[in-house]
N, C-alpha and C. Protein backbone atom coordinates (compact mmCIF):
# COMPACT_ATOMS: atom_id res chain seq x y z
N UNK A 1 0.84 -1.09 0.15
CA UNK A 1 -0.08 0.11 0.02
C UNK A 1 0.79 1.09 0.20
N UNK A 2 2.01 1.36 0.26
CA UNK A 2 3.21 2.12 -0.07
C UNK A 2 3.04 2.59 -1.40
N UNK A 3 2.60 2.34 -2.51
CA UNK A 3 2.39 3.03 -3.88
C UNK A 3 1.35 3.81 -3.42
N UNK A 4 0.13 3.87 -2.52
CA UNK A 4 -0.83 4.81 -2.43
C UNK A 4 -0.30 6.25 -2.17
N UNK A 5 0.76 6.34 -0.92
CA UNK A 5 0.99 7.23 -0.45
C UNK A 5 1.89 8.33 -1.35
N UNK A 6 2.50 7.28 -2.25
CA UNK A 6 3.12 8.32 -3.45
C UNK A 6 2.50 8.75 -4.32
N UNK A 7 1.63 7.78 -4.62
CA UNK A 7 0.51 9.21 -5.55
C UNK A 7 -0.06 9.95 -4.66
N UNK A 8 -0.27 9.98 -3.43
CA UNK A 8 -0.93 10.73 -2.62
C UNK A 8 -0.47 11.93 -2.49
N UNK A 9 0.76 12.07 -2.57
CA UNK A 9 2.08 13.01 -2.48
C UNK A 9 1.76 13.50 -3.83
N UNK A 10 2.28 12.73 -4.85
CA UNK A 10 2.15 13.52 -6.56
C UNK A 10 1.04 14.58 -6.50
N UNK A 11 -0.04 13.90 -6.00
CA UNK A 11 -1.52 14.44 -6.28
C UNK A 11 -1.28 16.09 -5.13
N UNK A 12 -0.68 15.73 -4.27
CA UNK A 12 -0.73 17.29 -3.02
C UNK A 12 0.42 18.27 -3.99
N UNK A 13 1.56 17.46 -4.73
CA UNK A 13 2.43 18.72 -4.94
C UNK A 13 1.88 19.54 -6.64
N UNK A 14 0.73 18.17 -7.30
CA UNK A 14 -0.03 19.47 -8.38
C UNK A 14 -0.74 20.06 -7.85
N UNK A 15 -1.87 20.54 -6.66
CA UNK A 15 -2.33 20.89 -6.19
C UNK A 15 -1.46 22.27 -5.54
N UNK A 16 -0.63 22.14 -4.83
CA UNK A 16 0.32 23.70 -4.42
C UNK A 16 0.80 23.80 -5.63
N UNK A 17 1.31 23.34 -6.60
CA UNK A 17 1.76 23.75 -7.73
C UNK A 17 0.48 25.06 -8.31
N UNK A 18 -0.67 24.73 -8.64
CA UNK A 18 -1.42 24.98 -9.29
C UNK A 18 -2.20 26.44 -7.74
N UNK A 19 -2.38 25.70 -6.49
CA UNK A 19 -2.99 26.57 -5.22
C UNK A 19 -2.49 26.85 -4.55
N UNK A 20 -1.15 27.49 -3.93
CA UNK A 20 -0.64 27.43 -2.39
C UNK A 20 -1.95 27.97 -1.84
N UNK A 21 -2.13 26.75 -0.89
CA UNK A 21 -2.84 27.32 0.25
C UNK A 21 -2.22 28.33 1.44
N UNK A 22 -2.98 29.46 2.03
CA UNK A 22 -2.31 30.20 2.51
C UNK A 22 -1.26 29.44 3.97
N UNK A 23 -1.99 28.65 4.96
CA UNK A 23 -1.27 28.46 5.76
C UNK A 23 -0.16 27.64 5.61
N UNK A 24 0.27 27.03 4.51
CA UNK A 24 1.29 26.36 4.47
C UNK A 24 2.29 26.94 3.89
N UNK A 25 1.98 28.55 3.50
CA UNK A 25 2.46 29.49 2.73
C UNK A 25 3.20 30.10 4.30
N UNK A 26 2.50 30.45 5.31
CA UNK A 26 3.41 30.87 6.57
C UNK A 26 3.79 29.98 7.13
N UNK A 27 3.59 28.60 6.76
CA UNK A 27 4.72 27.63 7.66
C UNK A 27 5.81 27.66 6.89
N UNK A 28 6.21 27.99 5.73
CA UNK A 28 7.42 27.55 5.45
C UNK A 28 8.24 29.18 5.75
N UNK A 29 7.73 29.89 5.92
CA UNK A 29 8.26 31.44 6.51
C UNK A 29 8.93 31.48 7.52
N UNK A 30 8.74 29.99 8.15
CA UNK A 30 8.94 30.76 10.05
C UNK A 30 10.12 28.98 10.66
N UNK A 31 10.94 29.58 11.14
CA UNK A 31 12.01 28.18 11.57
C UNK A 31 11.38 27.17 12.57
N UNK A 32 10.48 27.49 12.73
CA UNK A 32 9.40 26.34 13.69
C UNK A 32 8.55 25.38 12.64
N UNK A 33 7.99 26.52 11.52
CA UNK A 33 7.51 25.40 10.02
C UNK A 33 8.44 24.84 9.08
N UNK A 34 9.61 25.41 9.45
CA UNK A 34 10.52 24.61 8.37
C UNK A 34 11.39 23.22 9.16
N UNK A 35 11.32 23.82 10.64
CA UNK A 35 11.66 22.42 11.35
C UNK A 35 10.69 21.41 11.04
N UNK A 36 9.57 21.79 11.50
CA UNK A 36 7.91 20.77 11.21
C UNK A 36 8.23 20.07 9.91
N UNK A 37 8.32 20.89 8.81
CA UNK A 37 7.98 19.80 7.21
C UNK A 37 9.18 18.62 7.80
N UNK A 38 10.65 19.44 8.03
CA UNK A 38 11.81 18.77 8.16
C UNK A 38 11.33 17.63 8.77
N UNK A 39 10.70 17.26 9.64
CA UNK A 39 10.87 16.46 10.27
C UNK A 39 9.21 15.69 9.68
N UNK A 40 8.64 16.26 8.92
CA UNK A 40 8.08 15.15 8.21
C UNK A 40 8.12 14.52 7.84
N UNK A 41 9.35 15.22 6.72
CA UNK A 41 9.73 14.69 5.14
C UNK A 41 10.93 13.26 6.16
N UNK A 42 11.38 13.61 7.19
CA UNK A 42 12.21 12.18 7.76
C UNK A 42 11.36 11.38 8.11
N UNK A 43 10.16 11.33 8.88
CA UNK A 43 8.69 10.49 9.09
C UNK A 43 8.63 9.95 8.04
N UNK A 44 8.10 10.51 6.77
CA UNK A 44 7.62 9.69 6.01
C UNK A 44 8.33 9.09 5.20
N UNK A 45 9.89 9.16 5.48
CA UNK A 45 10.87 8.43 4.67
C UNK A 45 11.74 6.83 5.53
N UNK A 46 10.95 7.15 6.77
CA UNK A 46 10.93 6.17 7.88
C UNK A 46 10.36 5.03 7.78
N UNK A 47 8.48 5.68 7.87
CA UNK A 47 7.61 5.21 7.38
C UNK A 47 6.91 4.40 6.13
N UNK A 48 7.41 5.05 5.18
CA UNK A 48 6.72 4.81 3.92
C UNK A 48 7.90 4.74 2.65
N UNK A 49 8.64 4.53 3.18
CA UNK A 49 9.83 4.43 1.91
C UNK A 49 11.06 5.53 2.08
N UNK A 50 11.97 4.96 1.00
CA UNK A 50 12.97 6.18 0.30
C UNK A 50 12.37 6.79 -0.70
N UNK A 51 11.22 6.11 -1.52
CA UNK A 51 10.29 7.09 -2.48
C UNK A 51 9.38 7.94 -2.37
N UNK A 52 8.62 7.68 -1.60
CA UNK A 52 8.16 8.54 -0.92
C UNK A 52 8.45 10.00 -0.22
N UNK A 53 9.98 9.14 0.75
CA UNK A 53 10.57 10.31 1.63
C UNK A 53 11.33 11.30 0.54
N UNK A 54 12.28 10.70 -0.80
CA UNK A 54 11.54 11.70 -2.12
C UNK A 54 11.00 12.69 -2.55
N UNK A 55 9.81 11.99 -2.45
CA UNK A 55 8.82 13.15 -2.73
C UNK A 55 8.28 13.85 -2.03
N UNK A 56 8.13 13.92 -0.72
CA UNK A 56 8.32 14.49 0.31
C UNK A 56 9.27 15.65 0.51
N UNK A 57 10.51 14.94 0.07
CA UNK A 57 10.92 16.30 -0.12
C UNK A 57 11.22 17.30 -0.47
N UNK A 58 10.85 16.53 -2.14
CA UNK A 58 10.79 17.82 -3.37
C UNK A 58 9.47 18.67 -2.91
N UNK A 59 8.51 18.09 -2.54
CA UNK A 59 7.54 19.00 -1.91
C UNK A 59 7.82 19.77 -1.12
N UNK A 60 8.62 20.05 -0.17
CA UNK A 60 9.02 20.77 0.82
C UNK A 60 10.13 21.95 -0.19
N UNK A 61 11.05 21.78 -0.77
CA UNK A 61 11.43 22.07 -1.33
C UNK A 61 10.44 23.45 -2.84
N UNK A 62 9.74 22.48 -3.00
CA UNK A 62 8.69 23.23 -4.16
C UNK A 62 8.17 24.39 -3.15
N UNK A 63 7.56 23.64 -2.34
CA UNK A 63 6.89 24.84 -1.35
C UNK A 63 8.23 25.99 -0.91
N UNK A 64 8.83 25.72 -1.09
CA UNK A 64 10.12 26.75 -0.59
C UNK A 64 10.22 27.46 -1.39
N UNK A 65 10.66 27.35 -2.66
CA UNK A 65 11.01 27.80 -3.72
C UNK A 65 9.93 28.65 -4.66
N UNK A 66 8.17 28.31 -4.03
CA UNK A 66 7.23 29.25 -4.59
C UNK A 66 7.62 30.55 -3.62
N UNK A 67 7.26 30.34 -3.05
CA UNK A 67 7.43 31.59 -1.42
C UNK A 67 8.07 32.73 -1.66
N UNK A 68 9.66 32.40 -2.73
CA UNK A 68 11.18 32.87 -2.65
C UNK A 68 10.46 34.56 -3.32
């Protein structure tokens, strides 16, 4: 069932590309928000595998780059 999580991460990435929610944008601006996102990437990688972790890391990088 790990494949489902990877597909879900890709769907979230597409949604973020088209429309960025404000609470997510404010999360990437603060140090605590970035720490939470980093811990989230590590947890996704630990529990759902390396591919899901890479997709989560790309998602965090996408969030950081869209707000610069």
